[in-house]
Amino acid sequence: MGRFVGPGQIQTSGATGVTYLDLNLNAQSTPTGLVSVQPGEAWNFQLWYRDAVGGQTASSFTDAVAVTFQ
């Protein structure tokens, strides 16, 4: 499991609820350090976000997506 916490990787979606993040496929974060994505590998991504629910801050997750790289 890796986290995108580098410069520019923690974002706000603003009123649109949409964010974009360009990935460096030669330096993906893993628990043991950065690795290069290899063709044929399947990686799963999920967004952890904060939201206001009833005036209180809540922490939630999006549905995950699986990406197979070619």
Protein backbone atom coordinates (compact mmCIF):
# COMPACT_ATOMS: atom_id res chain seq x y z
CA MET A 1 0.00 0.00 0.00
CA GLY A 2 1.41 3.38 -0.95
CA ARG A 3 0.29 6.92 -0.34
CA PHE A 4 0.43 10.01 -2.51
CA VAL A 5 1.52 12.64 0.02
CA GLY A 6 4.26 14.42 -1.95
CA PRO A 7 4.18 18.02 -3.15
CA GLY A 8 0.99 18.65 -5.13
CA GLN A 9 -0.44 15.20 -4.41
CA ILE A 10 -2.79 16.24 -1.59
CA GLN A 11 -5.55 18.16 -3.32
CA THR A 12 -8.92 19.77 -2.83
CA SER A 13 -11.78 18.97 -5.17
CA GLY A 14 -13.52 22.28 -4.61
CA ALA A 15 -17.16 22.57 -5.64
CA THR A 16 -16.76 20.10 -8.54
CA GLY A 17 -15.87 17.07 -6.41
CA VAL A 18 -13.21 16.10 -8.97
CA THR A 19 -9.43 15.80 -8.65
CA TYR A 20 -6.71 14.74 -11.09
CA LEU A 21 -3.26 13.36 -10.34
CA ASP A 22 -0.60 12.63 -12.95
CA LEU A 23 1.33 9.51 -11.93
CA ASN A 24 5.02 8.88 -12.42
CA LEU A 25 4.94 5.20 -13.42
CA ASN A 26 8.67 4.95 -12.74
CA ALA A 27 8.25 5.92 -9.09
CA GLN A 28 5.15 4.43 -7.47
CA SER A 29 5.00 4.37 -3.69
CA THR A 30 4.98 1.00 -1.88
CA PRO A 31 5.61 0.06 1.77
CA THR A 32 9.23 -0.80 0.90
CA GLY A 33 9.96 2.24 -1.28
CA LEU A 34 9.44 3.45 -4.83
CA VAL A 35 9.04 0.96 -7.70
CA SER A 36 8.41 1.10 -11.44
CA VAL A 37 5.10 -0.17 -12.76
CA GLN A 38 5.65 -3.13 -15.10
CA PRO A 39 3.54 -4.11 -18.14
CA GLY A 40 0.84 -6.62 -17.20
CA GLU A 41 0.70 -5.55 -13.56
CA ALA A 42 -2.67 -4.71 -12.05
CA TRP A 43 -2.70 -1.90 -9.47
CA ASN A 44 -5.63 -0.81 -7.32
CA PHE A 45 -6.28 2.82 -6.43
CA GLN A 46 -8.63 4.39 -3.91
CA LEU A 47 -9.08 7.96 -2.69
CA TRP A 48 -9.21 8.78 1.02
CA TYR A 49 -11.04 12.03 1.58
CA ARG A 50 -12.54 14.26 4.23
CA ASP A 51 -16.10 15.53 4.01
CA ALA A 52 -18.51 17.49 6.18
CA VAL A 53 -21.45 15.44 7.46
CA GLY A 54 -23.95 17.24 9.65
CA GLY A 55 -21.41 19.97 10.32
CA GLN A 56 -18.79 17.45 11.48
CA THR A 57 -15.67 16.43 9.57
CA ALA A 58 -15.79 12.81 8.41
CA SER A 59 -13.18 10.58 6.80
CA SER A 60 -14.32 8.40 3.89
CA PHE A 61 -13.03 6.32 0.98
CA THR A 62 -14.09 6.19 -2.67
CA ASP A 63 -14.77 2.91 -4.42
CA ALA A 64 -11.52 1.36 -5.60
CA VAL A 65 -10.54 1.04 -9.24
CA ALA A 66 -8.22 -1.59 -10.71
CA VAL A 67 -5.88 -0.61 -13.54
CA THR A 68 -3.93 -3.15 -15.62
CA PHE A 69 -0.92 -1.52 -17.23
CA GLN A 70 0.22 -2.46 -20.73
